[in-house]
Amino acid sequence: MKLKDSELREVDIERAVCLYARTQGYLTYKFTSPARRSVPDRLFITPDGLTLFIEFKRPGNQLTKQQAAECHRLAEQGCNVYVCHTIEQGRRVVDAFLDPEHIIEELKSAGQELSAHLSRAGHSPPH
């Protein structure tokens, strides 16, 4: 039985995107930092060595203020940071980093989504 996006738990989305990324040659790591709470859920490394962070959320759930602040902090340092609410969003981010011609449009879209998340949490979007 296939679940609708609205029925998926965060862990289901995270697991599916990580599995897909590994089939595409990515390394995936659960990202935790004892000294910094609210870091994104996962660190992804492409076959070419590019890195990106993804915070997974159930559809309709938002970043906490602390998560938004940490995503903003990473983005300000030039890191690739994304928030994915569905398996499809996660797959699009993974695919974008494998296709140089597709990456610019996909990153613009994902950056707009991150900016919207940061704004809703009360933080200025990265420039």
PDB file of N, CA and C in Angstrom:
ATOM      1  N   MET A   1       0.845  -1.185   0.000  1.00  0.00           N
ATOM      2  CA  MET A   1       0.000   0.000   0.000  1.00  0.00           C
ATOM      3  C   MET A   1       0.888   1.246   0.000  1.00  0.00           C
ATOM      4  N   LYS A   2       0.654   2.130  -0.948  1.00  0.00           N
ATOM      5  CA  LYS A   2       1.436   3.351  -1.054  1.00  0.00           C
ATOM      6  C   LYS A   2       0.762   4.462  -0.250  1.00  0.00           C
ATOM      7  N   LEU A   3       1.568   5.135   0.571  1.00  0.00           N
ATOM      8  CA  LEU A   3       1.042   6.227   1.381  1.00  0.00           C
ATOM      9  C   LEU A   3       1.001   7.519   0.580  1.00  0.00           C
ATOM     10  N   LYS A   4       0.020   8.360   0.862  1.00  0.00           N
ATOM     11  CA  LYS A   4      -0.016   9.706   0.293  1.00  0.00           C
ATOM     12  C   LYS A   4       1.027  10.540   1.012  1.00  0.00           C
ATOM     13  N   ASP A   5       1.501  11.608   0.351  1.00  0.00           N
ATOM     14  CA  ASP A   5       2.500  12.481   0.968  1.00  0.00           C
ATOM     15  C   ASP A   5       2.070  12.939   2.356  1.00  0.00           C
ATOM     16  N   SER A   6       0.791  13.273   2.512  1.00  0.00           N
ATOM     17  CA  SER A   6       0.304  13.793   3.786  1.00  0.00           C
ATOM     18  C   SER A   6       0.344  12.743   4.901  1.00  0.00           C
ATOM     19  N   GLU A   7       0.432  11.463   4.541  1.00  0.00           N
ATOM     20  CA  GLU A   7       0.469  10.388   5.529  1.00  0.00           C
ATOM     21  C   GLU A   7       1.894   9.973   5.905  1.00  0.00           C
ATOM     22  N   LEU A   8       2.871  10.471   5.155  1.00  0.00           N
ATOM     23  CA  LEU A   8       4.260  10.091   5.416  1.00  0.00           C
ATOM     24  C   LEU A   8       4.801  10.762   6.668  1.00  0.00           C
ATOM     25  N   ARG A   9       5.578  10.017   7.418  1.00  0.00           N
ATOM     26  CA  ARG A   9       6.286  10.593   8.554  1.00  0.00           C
ATOM     27  C   ARG A   9       7.619  11.145   8.051  1.00  0.00           C
ATOM     28  N   GLU A  10       8.200  12.044   8.812  1.00  0.00           N
ATOM     29  CA  GLU A  10       9.486  12.628   8.447  1.00  0.00           C
ATOM     30  C   GLU A  10      10.525  11.539   8.191  1.00  0.00           C
ATOM     31  N   VAL A  11      10.556  10.535   9.051  1.00  0.00           N
ATOM     32  CA  VAL A  11      11.537   9.458   8.911  1.00  0.00           C
ATOM     33  C   VAL A  11      11.330   8.683   7.612  1.00  0.00           C
ATOM     34  N   ASP A  12      10.089   8.534   7.152  1.00  0.00           N
ATOM     35  CA  ASP A  12       9.821   7.841   5.891  1.00  0.00           C
ATOM     36  C   ASP A  12      10.389   8.621   4.706  1.00  0.00           C
ATOM     37  N   ILE A  13      10.190   9.927   4.730  1.00  0.00           N
ATOM     38  CA  ILE A  13      10.701  10.787   3.659  1.00  0.00           C
ATOM     39  C   ILE A  13      12.223  10.751   3.659  1.00  0.00           C
ATOM     40  N   GLU A  14      12.813  10.912   4.830  1.00  0.00           N
ATOM     41  CA  GLU A  14      14.274  10.903   4.970  1.00  0.00           C
ATOM     42  C   GLU A  14      14.856   9.584   4.467  1.00  0.00           C
ATOM     43  N   ARG A  15      14.288   8.488   4.892  1.00  0.00           N
ATOM     44  CA  ARG A  15      14.782   7.160   4.506  1.00  0.00           C
ATOM     45  C   ARG A  15      14.728   6.973   2.989  1.00  0.00           C
ATOM     46  N   ALA A  16      13.602   7.331   2.381  1.00  0.00           N
ATOM     47  CA  ALA A  16      13.430   7.146   0.939  1.00  0.00           C
ATOM     48  C   ALA A  16      14.397   8.013   0.135  1.00  0.00           C
ATOM     49  N   VAL A  17      14.586   9.253   0.552  1.00  0.00           N
ATOM     50  CA  VAL A  17      15.489  10.146  -0.170  1.00  0.00           C
ATOM     51  C   VAL A  17      16.938   9.668  -0.016  1.00  0.00           C
ATOM     52  N   CYS A  18      17.301   9.226   1.168  1.00  0.00           N
ATOM     53  CA  CYS A  18      18.668   8.717   1.376  1.00  0.00           C
ATOM     54  C   CYS A  18      18.921   7.473   0.532  1.00  0.00           C
ATOM     55  N   LEU A  19      17.963   6.578   0.484  1.00  0.00           N
ATOM     56  CA  LEU A  19      18.099   5.371  -0.330  1.00  0.00           C
ATOM     57  C   LEU A  19      18.279   5.753  -1.801  1.00  0.00           C
ATOM     58  N   TYR A  20      17.445   6.665  -2.276  1.00  0.00           N
ATOM     59  CA  TYR A  20      17.555   7.120  -3.661  1.00  0.00           C
ATOM     60  C   TYR A  20      18.928   7.754  -3.910  1.00  0.00           C
ATOM     61  N   ALA A  21      19.365   8.618  -3.012  1.00  0.00           N
ATOM     62  CA  ALA A  21      20.651   9.295  -3.179  1.00  0.00           C
ATOM     63  C   ALA A  21      21.797   8.276  -3.264  1.00  0.00           C
ATOM     64  N   ARG A  22      21.751   7.248  -2.425  1.00  0.00           N
ATOM     65  CA  ARG A  22      22.806   6.228  -2.461  1.00  0.00           C
ATOM     66  C   ARG A  22      22.803   5.480  -3.796  1.00  0.00           C
ATOM     67  N   THR A  23      21.617   5.266  -4.396  1.00  0.00           N
ATOM     68  CA  THR A  23      21.581   4.609  -5.709  1.00  0.00           C
ATOM     69  C   THR A  23      22.178   5.499  -6.796  1.00  0.00           C
ATOM     70  N   GLN A  24      22.266   6.796  -6.515  1.00  0.00           N
ATOM     71  CA  GLN A  24      22.844   7.752  -7.458  1.00  0.00           C
ATOM     72  C   GLN A  24      24.328   8.030  -7.162  1.00  0.00           C
ATOM     73  N   GLY A  25      24.907   7.281  -6.216  1.00  0.00           N
ATOM     74  CA  GLY A  25      26.328   7.407  -5.917  1.00  0.00           C
ATOM     75  C   GLY A  25      26.673   8.372  -4.796  1.00  0.00           C
ATOM     76  N   TYR A  26      25.686   8.897  -4.114  1.00  0.00           N
ATOM     77  CA  TYR A  26      25.924   9.814  -2.995  1.00  0.00           C
ATOM     78  C   TYR A  26      26.365   9.055  -1.746  1.00  0.00           C
ATOM     79  N   LEU A  27      27.098   9.740  -0.898  1.00  0.00           N
ATOM     80  CA  LEU A  27      27.299   9.314   0.480  1.00  0.00           C
ATOM     81  C   LEU A  27      26.269  10.076   1.303  1.00  0.00           C
ATOM     82  N   THR A  28      25.635   9.407   2.252  1.00  0.00           N
ATOM     83  CA  THR A  28      24.648  10.079   3.103  1.00  0.00           C
ATOM     84  C   THR A  28      24.996   9.828   4.560  1.00  0.00           C
ATOM     85  N   TYR A  29      24.932  10.874   5.352  1.00  0.00           N
ATOM     86  CA  TYR A  29      25.255  10.779   6.765  1.00  0.00           C
ATOM     87  C   TYR A  29      24.166  11.445   7.600  1.00  0.00           C
ATOM     88  N   LYS A  30      23.809  10.795   8.685  1.00  0.00           N
ATOM     89  CA  LYS A  30      22.945  11.444   9.672  1.00  0.00           C
ATOM     90  C   LYS A  30      23.804  12.521  10.307  1.00  0.00           C
ATOM     91  N   PHE A  31      23.318  13.739  10.325  1.00  0.00           N
ATOM     92  CA  PHE A  31      24.125  14.847  10.805  1.00  0.00           C
ATOM     93  C   PHE A  31      23.669  15.247  12.200  1.00  0.00           C
ATOM     94  N   THR A  32      24.549  15.111  13.157  1.00  0.00           N
ATOM     95  CA  THR A  32      24.280  15.568  14.519  1.00  0.00           C
ATOM     96  C   THR A  32      25.490  16.343  14.995  1.00  0.00           C
ATOM     97  N   SER A  33      25.250  17.259  15.880  1.00  0.00           N
ATOM     98  CA  SER A  33      26.327  18.058  16.436  1.00  0.00           C
ATOM     99  C   SER A  33      26.060  18.244  17.922  1.00  0.00           C
ATOM    100  N   PRO A  34      26.845  17.595  18.768  1.00  0.00           N
ATOM    101  CA  PRO A  34      26.607  17.701  20.211  1.00  0.00           C
ATOM    102  C   PRO A  34      26.610  19.146  20.723  1.00  0.00           C
ATOM    103  N   ALA A  35      27.401  20.000  20.089  1.00  0.00           N
ATOM    104  CA  ALA A  35      27.510  21.380  20.561  1.00  0.00           C
ATOM    105  C   ALA A  35      26.499  22.322  19.900  1.00  0.00           C
ATOM    106  N   ARG A  36      25.829  21.861  18.828  1.00  0.00           N
ATOM    107  CA  ARG A  36      24.876  22.714  18.105  1.00  0.00           C
ATOM    108  C   ARG A  36      23.593  21.952  17.881  1.00  0.00           C
ATOM    109  N   ARG A  37      22.558  22.390  18.532  1.00  0.00           N
ATOM    110  CA  ARG A  37      21.245  21.775  18.312  1.00  0.00           C
ATOM    111  C   ARG A  37      20.646  22.328  17.026  1.00  0.00           C
ATOM    112  N   SER A  38      19.688  21.633  16.512  1.00  0.00           N
ATOM    113  CA  SER A  38      18.875  22.095  15.379  1.00  0.00           C
ATOM    114  C   SER A  38      19.600  22.109  14.043  1.00  0.00           C
ATOM    115  N   VAL A  39      20.693  21.348  13.915  1.00  0.00           N
ATOM    116  CA  VAL A  39      21.347  21.243  12.608  1.00  0.00           C
ATOM    117  C   VAL A  39      20.448  20.434  11.674  1.00  0.00           C
ATOM    118  N   PRO A  40      20.615  20.586  10.349  1.00  0.00           N
ATOM    119  CA  PRO A  40      19.802  19.801   9.414  1.00  0.00           C
ATOM    120  C   PRO A  40      19.972  18.292   9.646  1.00  0.00           C
ATOM    121  N   ASP A  41      18.966  17.528   9.226  1.00  0.00           N
ATOM    122  CA  ASP A  41      18.937  16.087   9.475  1.00  0.00           C
ATOM    123  C   ASP A  41      20.072  15.322   8.811  1.00  0.00           C
ATOM    124  N   ARG A  42      20.385  15.662   7.575  1.00  0.00           N
ATOM    125  CA  ARG A  42      21.319  14.850   6.791  1.00  0.00           C
ATOM    126  C   ARG A  42      22.345  15.687   6.047  1.00  0.00           C
ATOM    127  N   LEU A  43      23.504  15.078   5.889  1.00  0.00           N
ATOM    128  CA  LEU A  43      24.590  15.607   5.060  1.00  0.00           C
ATOM    129  C   LEU A  43      24.715  14.669   3.870  1.00  0.00           C
ATOM    130  N   PHE A  44      24.683  15.225   2.675  1.00  0.00           N
ATOM    131  CA  PHE A  44      24.822  14.455   1.438  1.00  0.00           C
ATOM    132  C   PHE A  44      26.100  14.901   0.734  1.00  0.00           C
ATOM    133  N   ILE A  45      26.829  13.937   0.185  1.00  0.00           N
ATOM    134  CA  ILE A  45      28.038  14.230  -0.591  1.00  0.00           C
ATOM    135  C   ILE A  45      27.872  13.574  -1.954  1.00  0.00           C
ATOM    136  N   THR A  46      27.947  14.386  -3.013  1.00  0.00           N
ATOM    137  CA  THR A  46      27.758  13.878  -4.371  1.00  0.00           C
ATOM    138  C   THR A  46      28.971  13.057  -4.798  1.00  0.00           C
ATOM    139  N   PRO A  47      28.832  12.302  -5.880  1.00  0.00           N
ATOM    140  CA  PRO A  47      29.983  11.568  -6.397  1.00  0.00           C
ATOM    141  C   PRO A  47      31.149  12.492  -6.771  1.00  0.00           C
ATOM    142  N   ASP A  48      30.861  13.774  -7.062  1.00  0.00           N
ATOM    143  CA  ASP A  48      31.904  14.744  -7.399  1.00  0.00           C
ATOM    144  C   ASP A  48      32.418  15.518  -6.192  1.00  0.00           C
ATOM    145  N   GLY A  49      31.925  15.187  -5.000  1.00  0.00           N
ATOM    146  CA  GLY A  49      32.429  15.829  -3.786  1.00  0.00           C
ATOM    147  C   GLY A  49      31.687  17.071  -3.335  1.00  0.00           C
ATOM    148  N   LEU A  50      30.608  17.455  -4.012  1.00  0.00           N
ATOM    149  CA  LEU A  50      29.808  18.588  -3.541  1.00  0.00           C
ATOM    150  C   LEU A  50      29.028  18.152  -2.304  1.00  0.00           C
ATOM    151  N   THR A  51      28.829  19.076  -1.378  1.00  0.00           N
ATOM    152  CA  THR A  51      28.087  18.748  -0.159  1.00  0.00           C
ATOM    153  C   THR A  51      26.805  19.562  -0.084  1.00  0.00           C
ATOM    154  N   LEU A  52      25.801  18.956   0.529  1.00  0.00           N
ATOM    155  CA  LEU A  52      24.555  19.657   0.786  1.00  0.00           C
ATOM    156  C   LEU A  52      23.917  19.096   2.037  1.00  0.00           C
ATOM    157  N   PHE A  53      23.149  19.941   2.680  1.00  0.00           N
ATOM    158  CA  PHE A  53      22.407  19.574   3.880  1.00  0.00           C
ATOM    159  C   PHE A  53      20.924  19.563   3.542  1.00  0.00           C
ATOM    160  N   ILE A  54      20.208  18.593   4.090  1.00  0.00           N
ATOM    161  CA  ILE A  54      18.755  18.579   3.925  1.00  0.00           C
ATOM    162  C   ILE A  54      18.103  18.389   5.295  1.00  0.00           C
ATOM    163  N   GLU A  55      17.153  19.260   5.578  1.00  0.00           N
ATOM    164  CA  GLU A  55      16.273  19.123   6.732  1.00  0.00           C
ATOM    165  C   GLU A  55      14.960  18.556   6.195  1.00  0.00           C
ATOM    166  N   PHE A  56      14.511  17.463   6.751  1.00  0.00           N
ATOM    167  CA  PHE A  56      13.268  16.833   6.318  1.00  0.00           C
ATOM    168  C   PHE A  56      12.135  17.214   7.269  1.00  0.00           C
ATOM    169  N   LYS A  57      10.981  17.491   6.690  1.00  0.00           N
ATOM    170  CA  LYS A  57       9.779  17.824   7.448  1.00  0.00           C
ATOM    171  C   LYS A  57       8.591  17.131   6.811  1.00  0.00           C
ATOM    172  N   ARG A  58       7.636  16.744   7.640  1.00  0.00           N
ATOM    173  CA  ARG A  58       6.379  16.220   7.109  1.00  0.00           C
ATOM    174  C   ARG A  58       5.685  17.327   6.326  1.00  0.00           C
ATOM    175  N   PRO A  59       4.884  16.958   5.331  1.00  0.00           N
ATOM    176  CA  PRO A  59       4.133  17.993   4.618  1.00  0.00           C
ATOM    177  C   PRO A  59       3.315  18.825   5.612  1.00  0.00           C
ATOM    178  N   GLY A  60       3.433  20.139   5.476  1.00  0.00           N
ATOM    179  CA  GLY A  60       2.700  21.047   6.352  1.00  0.00           C
ATOM    180  C   GLY A  60       3.462  21.477   7.594  1.00  0.00           C
ATOM    181  N   ASN A  61       4.491  20.732   7.982  1.00  0.00           N
ATOM    182  CA  ASN A  61       5.285  21.118   9.155  1.00  0.00           C
ATOM    183  C   ASN A  61       6.324  22.165   8.763  1.00  0.00           C
ATOM    184  N   GLN A  62       6.635  23.036   9.699  1.00  0.00           N
ATOM    185  CA  GLN A  62       7.576  24.123   9.441  1.00  0.00           C
ATOM    186  C   GLN A  62       8.839  23.945  10.285  1.00  0.00           C
ATOM    187  N   LEU A  63       9.883  24.645   9.884  1.00  0.00           N
ATOM    188  CA  LEU A  63      11.102  24.675  10.688  1.00  0.00           C
ATOM    189  C   LEU A  63      10.817  25.359  12.020  1.00  0.00           C
ATOM    190  N   THR A  64      11.476  24.892  13.071  1.00  0.00           N
ATOM    191  CA  THR A  64      11.427  25.641  14.321  1.00  0.00           C
ATOM    192  C   THR A  64      12.280  26.894  14.156  1.00  0.00           C
ATOM    193  N   LYS A  65      12.143  27.835  15.040  1.00  0.00           N
ATOM    194  CA  LYS A  65      12.982  29.041  14.969  1.00  0.00           C
ATOM    195  C   LYS A  65      14.461  28.677  15.045  1.00  0.00           C
ATOM    196  N   GLN A  66      14.794  27.700  15.878  1.00  0.00           N
ATOM    197  CA  GLN A  66      16.187  27.288  16.017  1.00  0.00           C
ATOM    198  C   GLN A  66      16.693  26.625  14.736  1.00  0.00           C
ATOM    199  N   GLN A  67      15.868  25.794  14.122  1.00  0.00           N
ATOM    200  CA  GLN A  67      16.265  25.159  12.861  1.00  0.00           C
ATOM    201  C   GLN A  67      16.440  26.199  11.762  1.00  0.00           C
ATOM    202  N   ALA A  68      15.520  27.155  11.693  1.00  0.00           N
ATOM    203  CA  ALA A  68      15.625  28.218  10.688  1.00  0.00           C
ATOM    204  C   ALA A  68      16.903  29.019  10.890  1.00  0.00           C
ATOM    205  N   ALA A  69      17.229  29.307  12.138  1.00  0.00           N
ATOM    206  CA  ALA A  69      18.452  30.062  12.426  1.00  0.00           C
ATOM    207  C   ALA A  69      19.688  29.277  11.991  1.00  0.00           C
ATOM    208  N   GLU A  70      19.697  27.979  12.248  1.00  0.00           N
ATOM    209  CA  GLU A  70      20.854  27.158  11.862  1.00  0.00           C
ATOM    210  C   GLU A  70      20.954  27.030  10.346  1.00  0.00           C
ATOM    211  N   CYS A  71      19.826  26.847   9.664  1.00  0.00           N
ATOM    212  CA  CYS A  71      19.848  26.799   8.198  1.00  0.00           C
ATOM    213  C   CYS A  71      20.355  28.122   7.631  1.00  0.00           C
ATOM    214  N   HIS A  72      19.894  29.209   8.197  1.00  0.00           N
ATOM    215  CA  HIS A  72      20.340  30.536   7.769  1.00  0.00           C
ATOM    216  C   HIS A  72      21.849  30.687   7.985  1.00  0.00           C
ATOM    217  N   ARG A  73      22.330  30.255   9.124  1.00  0.00           N
ATOM    218  CA  ARG A  73      23.762  30.331   9.452  1.00  0.00           C
ATOM    219  C   ARG A  73      24.594  29.550   8.430  1.00  0.00           C
ATOM    220  N   LEU A  74      24.161  28.342   8.103  1.00  0.00           N
ATOM    221  CA  LEU A  74      24.876  27.526   7.116  1.00  0.00           C
ATOM    222  C   LEU A  74      24.825  28.162   5.726  1.00  0.00           C
ATOM    223  N   ALA A  75      23.652  28.654   5.340  1.00  0.00           N
ATOM    224  CA  ALA A  75      23.506  29.286   4.024  1.00  0.00           C
ATOM    225  C   ALA A  75      24.372  30.538   3.917  1.00  0.00           C
ATOM    226  N   GLU A  76      24.474  31.288   4.986  1.00  0.00           N
ATOM    227  CA  GLU A  76      25.322  32.491   4.989  1.00  0.00           C
ATOM    228  C   GLU A  76      26.795  32.137   4.785  1.00  0.00           C
ATOM    229  N   GLN A  77      27.186  30.934   5.157  1.00  0.00           N
ATOM    230  CA  GLN A  77      28.558  30.471   4.970  1.00  0.00           C
ATOM    231  C   GLN A  77      28.768  29.862   3.580  1.00  0.00           C
ATOM    232  N   GLY A  78      27.724  29.888   2.766  1.00  0.00           N
ATOM    233  CA  GLY A  78      27.830  29.369   1.407  1.00  0.00           C
ATOM    234  C   GLY A  78      27.460  27.904   1.263  1.00  0.00           C
ATOM    235  N   CYS A  79      26.916  27.306   2.310  1.00  0.00           N
ATOM    236  CA  CYS A  79      26.506  25.897   2.243  1.00  0.00           C
ATOM    237  C   CYS A  79      25.210  25.759   1.450  1.00  0.00           C
ATOM    238  N   ASN A  80      25.042  24.599   0.851  1.00  0.00           N
ATOM    239  CA  ASN A  80      23.807  24.244   0.157  1.00  0.00           C
ATOM    240  C   ASN A  80      22.874  23.626   1.187  1.00  0.00           C
ATOM    241  N   VAL A  81      21.769  24.309   1.490  1.00  0.00           N
ATOM    242  CA  VAL A  81      20.831  23.863   2.528  1.00  0.00           C
ATOM    243  C   VAL A  81      19.423  23.846   1.946  1.00  0.00           C
ATOM    244  N   TYR A  82      18.723  22.731   2.157  1.00  0.00           N
ATOM    245  CA  TYR A  82      17.385  22.563   1.613  1.00  0.00           C
ATOM    246  C   TYR A  82      16.449  22.006   2.674  1.00  0.00           C
ATOM    247  N   VAL A  83      15.178  22.321   2.518  1.00  0.00           N
ATOM    248  CA  VAL A  83      14.125  21.752   3.357  1.00  0.00           C
ATOM    249  C   VAL A  83      13.210  20.986   2.417  1.00  0.00           C
ATOM    250  N   CYS A  84      13.004  19.699   2.697  1.00  0.00           N
ATOM    251  CA  CYS A  84      12.173  18.856   1.836  1.00  0.00           C
ATOM    252  C   CYS A  84      10.998  18.302   2.627  1.00  0.00           C
ATOM    253  N   HIS A  85       9.802  18.482   2.060  1.00  0.00           N
ATOM    254  CA  HIS A  85       8.565  18.011   2.683  1.00  0.00           C
ATOM    255  C   HIS A  85       8.021  16.745   2.037  1.00  0.00           C
ATOM    256  N   THR A  86       8.586  16.363   0.908  1.00  0.00           N
ATOM    257  CA  THR A  86       8.119  15.168   0.211  1.00  0.00           C
ATOM    258  C   THR A  86       9.316  14.409  -0.343  1.00  0.00           C
ATOM    259  N   ILE A  87       9.081  13.155  -0.671  1.00  0.00           N
ATOM    260  CA  ILE A  87      10.126  12.349  -1.305  1.00  0.00           C
ATOM    261  C   ILE A  87      10.494  12.966  -2.649  1.00  0.00           C
ATOM    262  N   GLU A  88       9.506  13.415  -3.388  1.00  0.00           N
ATOM    263  CA  GLU A  88       9.761  14.006  -4.702  1.00  0.00           C
ATOM    264  C   GLU A  88      10.652  15.246  -4.595  1.00  0.00           C
ATOM    265  N   GLN A  89      10.413  16.102  -3.620  1.00  0.00           N
ATOM    266  CA  GLN A  89      11.283  17.274  -3.439  1.00  0.00           C
ATOM    267  C   GLN A  89      12.718  16.831  -3.184  1.00  0.00           C
ATOM    268  N   GLY A  90      12.889  15.841  -2.322  1.00  0.00           N
ATOM    269  CA  GLY A  90      14.225  15.342  -2.016  1.00  0.00           C
ATOM    270  C   GLY A  90      14.906  14.762  -3.235  1.00  0.00           C
ATOM    271  N   ARG A  91      14.172  14.004  -4.025  1.00  0.00           N
ATOM    272  CA  ARG A  91      14.738  13.429  -5.250  1.00  0.00           C
ATOM    273  C   ARG A  91      15.136  14.522  -6.233  1.00  0.00           C
ATOM    274  N   ARG A  92      14.337  15.589  -6.319  1.00  0.00           N
ATOM    275  CA  ARG A  92      14.673  16.711  -7.226  1.00  0.00           C
ATOM    276  C   ARG A  92      15.979  17.377  -6.802  1.00  0.00           C
ATOM    277  N   VAL A  93      16.168  17.556  -5.495  1.00  0.00           N
ATOM    278  CA  VAL A  93      17.422  18.160  -5.015  1.00  0.00           C
ATOM    279  C   VAL A  93      18.594  17.239  -5.348  1.00  0.00           C
ATOM    280  N   VAL A  94      18.451  15.947  -5.072  1.00  0.00           N
ATOM    281  CA  VAL A  94      19.506  14.979  -5.385  1.00  0.00           C
ATOM    282  C   VAL A  94      19.825  15.018  -6.879  1.00  0.00           C
ATOM    283  N   ASP A  95      18.797  14.963  -7.709  1.00  0.00           N
ATOM    284  CA  ASP A  95      19.001  14.968  -9.160  1.00  0.00           C
ATOM    285  C   ASP A  95      19.653  16.259  -9.644  1.00  0.00           C
ATOM    286  N   ALA A  96      19.274  17.375  -9.038  1.00  0.00           N
ATOM    287  CA  ALA A  96      19.805  18.668  -9.471  1.00  0.00           C
ATOM    288  C   ALA A  96      21.321  18.724  -9.345  1.00  0.00           C
ATOM    289  N   PHE A  97      21.868  18.112  -8.323  1.00  0.00           N
ATOM    290  CA  PHE A  97      23.310  18.159  -8.132  1.00  0.00           C
ATOM    291  C   PHE A  97      24.058  17.202  -9.055  1.00  0.00           C
ATOM    292  N   LEU A  98      23.327  16.337  -9.741  1.00  0.00           N
ATOM    293  CA  LEU A  98      23.950  15.419 -10.701  1.00  0.00           C
ATOM    294  C   LEU A  98      23.871  15.937 -12.125  1.00  0.00           C
ATOM    295  N   ASP A  99      23.050  16.944 -12.369  1.00  0.00           N
ATOM    296  CA  ASP A  99      22.818  17.464 -13.714  1.00  0.00           C
ATOM    297  C   ASP A  99      23.149  18.954 -13.748  1.00  0.00           C
ATOM    298  N   PRO A 100      24.379  19.299 -14.179  1.00  0.00           N
ATOM    299  CA  PRO A 100      24.794  20.706 -14.149  1.00  0.00           C
ATOM    300  C   PRO A 100      23.872  21.654 -14.910  1.00  0.00           C
ATOM    301  N   GLU A 101      23.240  21.193 -15.988  1.00  0.00           N
ATOM    302  CA  GLU A 101      22.352  22.071 -16.743  1.00  0.00           C
ATOM    303  C   GLU A 101      21.047  22.325 -16.000  1.00  0.00           C
ATOM    304  N   HIS A 102      20.662  21.405 -15.155  1.00  0.00           N
ATOM    305  CA  HIS A 102      19.398  21.487 -14.432  1.00  0.00           C
ATOM    306  C   HIS A 102      19.567  22.162 -13.070  1.00  0.00           C
ATOM    307  N   ILE A 103      20.779  22.196 -12.575  1.00  0.00           N
ATOM    308  CA  ILE A 103      21.014  22.597 -11.186  1.00  0.00           C
ATOM    309  C   ILE A 103      20.624  24.050 -10.917  1.00  0.00           C
ATOM    310  N   ILE A 104      20.894  24.956 -11.830  1.00  0.00           N
ATOM    311  CA  ILE A 104      20.645  26.375 -11.543  1.00  0.00           C
ATOM    312  C   ILE A 104      19.165  26.635 -11.299  1.00  0.00           C
ATOM    313  N   GLU A 105      18.295  26.130 -12.155  1.00  0.00           N
ATOM    314  CA  GLU A 105      16.859  26.353 -11.969  1.00  0.00           C
ATOM    315  C   GLU A 105      16.355  25.664 -10.707  1.00  0.00           C
ATOM    316  N   GLU A 106      16.820  24.444 -10.461  1.00  0.00           N
ATOM    317  CA  GLU A 106      16.385  23.705  -9.277  1.00  0.00           C
ATOM    318  C   GLU A 106      16.852  24.399  -7.998  1.00  0.00           C
ATOM    319  N   LEU A 107      18.070  24.900  -8.001  1.00  0.00           N
ATOM    320  CA  LEU A 107      18.594  25.570  -6.817  1.00  0.00           C
ATOM    321  C   LEU A 107      17.868  26.887  -6.565  1.00  0.00           C
ATOM    322  N   LYS A 108      17.501  27.581  -7.626  1.00  0.00           N
ATOM    323  CA  LYS A 108      16.710  28.805  -7.447  1.00  0.00           C
ATOM    324  C   LYS A 108      15.402  28.472  -6.746  1.00  0.00           C
ATOM    325  N   SER A 109      14.737  27.435  -7.227  1.00  0.00           N
ATOM    326  CA  SER A 109      13.456  27.027  -6.651  1.00  0.00           C
ATOM    327  C   SER A 109      13.633  26.608  -5.198  1.00  0.00           C
ATOM    328  N   ALA A 110      14.630  25.776  -4.923  1.00  0.00           N
ATOM    329  CA  ALA A 110      14.873  25.317  -3.555  1.00  0.00           C
ATOM    330  C   ALA A 110      15.299  26.486  -2.662  1.00  0.00           C
ATOM    331  N   GLY A 111      16.066  27.410  -3.204  1.00  0.00           N
ATOM    332  CA  GLY A 111      16.475  28.585  -2.431  1.00  0.00           C
ATOM    333  C   GLY A 111      15.287  29.457  -2.074  1.00  0.00           C
ATOM    334  N   GLN A 112      14.338  29.570  -2.994  1.00  0.00           N
ATOM    335  CA  GLN A 112      13.128  30.331  -2.704  1.00  0.00           C
ATOM    336  C   GLN A 112      12.328  29.649  -1.596  1.00  0.00           C
ATOM    337  N   GLU A 113      12.292  28.305  -1.629  1.00  0.00           N
ATOM    338  CA  GLU A 113      11.584  27.569  -0.580  1.00  0.00           C
ATOM    339  C   GLU A 113      12.264  27.783   0.771  1.00  0.00           C
ATOM    340  N   LEU A 114      13.608  27.731   0.799  1.00  0.00           N
ATOM    341  CA  LEU A 114      14.333  27.961   2.048  1.00  0.00           C
ATOM    342  C   LEU A 114      14.074  29.384   2.531  1.00  0.00           C
ATOM    343  N   SER A 115      14.111  30.343   1.629  1.00  0.00           N
ATOM    344  CA  SER A 115      13.851  31.731   2.021  1.00  0.00           C
ATOM    345  C   SER A 115      12.460  31.874   2.631  1.00  0.00           C
ATOM    346  N   ALA A 116      11.491  31.186   2.049  1.00  0.00           N
ATOM    347  CA  ALA A 116      10.130  31.246   2.584  1.00  0.00           C
ATOM    348  C   ALA A 116      10.084  30.628   3.980  1.00  0.00           C
ATOM    349  N   HIS A 117      10.773  29.507   4.180  1.00  0.00           N
ATOM    350  CA  HIS A 117      10.812  28.868   5.496  1.00  0.00           C
ATOM    351  C   HIS A 117      11.467  29.793   6.518  1.00  0.00           C
ATOM    352  N   LEU A 118      12.567  30.411   6.125  1.00  0.00           N
ATOM    353  CA  LEU A 118      13.274  31.304   7.045  1.00  0.00           C
ATOM    354  C   LEU A 118      12.412  32.509   7.390  1.00  0.00           C
ATOM    355  N   SER A 119      11.724  33.051   6.400  1.00  0.00           N
ATOM    356  CA  SER A 119      10.866  34.210   6.645  1.00  0.00           C
ATOM    357  C   SER A 119       9.730  33.865   7.599  1.00  0.00           C
ATOM    358  N   ARG A 120       9.097  32.691   7.404  1.00  0.00           N
ATOM    359  CA  ARG A 120       8.007  32.290   8.286  1.00  0.00           C
ATOM    360  C   ARG A 120       8.501  32.085   9.708  1.00  0.00           C
ATOM    361  N   ALA A 121       9.773  31.714   9.852  1.00  0.00           N
ATOM    362  CA  ALA A 121      10.332  31.490  11.191  1.00  0.00           C
ATOM    363  C   ALA A 121      10.923  32.772  11.781  1.00  0.00           C
ATOM    364  N   GLY A 122      10.812  33.881  11.048  1.00  0.00           N
ATOM    365  CA  GLY A 122      11.268  35.162  11.573  1.00  0.00           C
ATOM    366  C   GLY A 122      12.723  35.496  11.297  1.00  0.00           C
ATOM    367  N   HIS A 123      13.333  34.885  10.279  1.00  0.00           N
ATOM    368  CA  HIS A 123      14.724  35.163   9.930  1.00  0.00           C
ATOM    369  C   HIS A 123      14.796  35.728   8.532  1.00  0.00           C
ATOM    370  N   SER A 124      15.785  36.578   8.302  1.00  0.00           N
ATOM    371  CA  SER A 124      16.003  37.122   6.961  1.00  0.00           C
ATOM    372  C   SER A 124      16.576  36.026   6.072  1.00  0.00           C
ATOM    373  N   PRO A 125      16.104  35.963   4.827  1.00  0.00           N
ATOM    374  CA  PRO A 125      16.670  34.989   3.904  1.00  0.00           C
ATOM    375  C   PRO A 125      18.123  35.327   3.578  1.00  0.00           C
ATOM    376  N   PRO A 126      18.948  34.322   3.240  1.00  0.00           N
ATOM    377  CA  PRO A 126      20.325  34.592   2.848  1.00  0.00           C
ATOM    378  C   PRO A 126      20.367  35.350   1.533  1.00  0.00           C
ATOM    379  N   HIS A 127      21.418  36.142   1.323  1.00  0.00           N
ATOM    380  CA  HIS A 127      21.564  36.924   0.086  1.00  0.00           C
ATOM    381  C   HIS A 127      22.362  36.139  -0.912  1.00  0.00           C
TER     382      HIS A 127
END
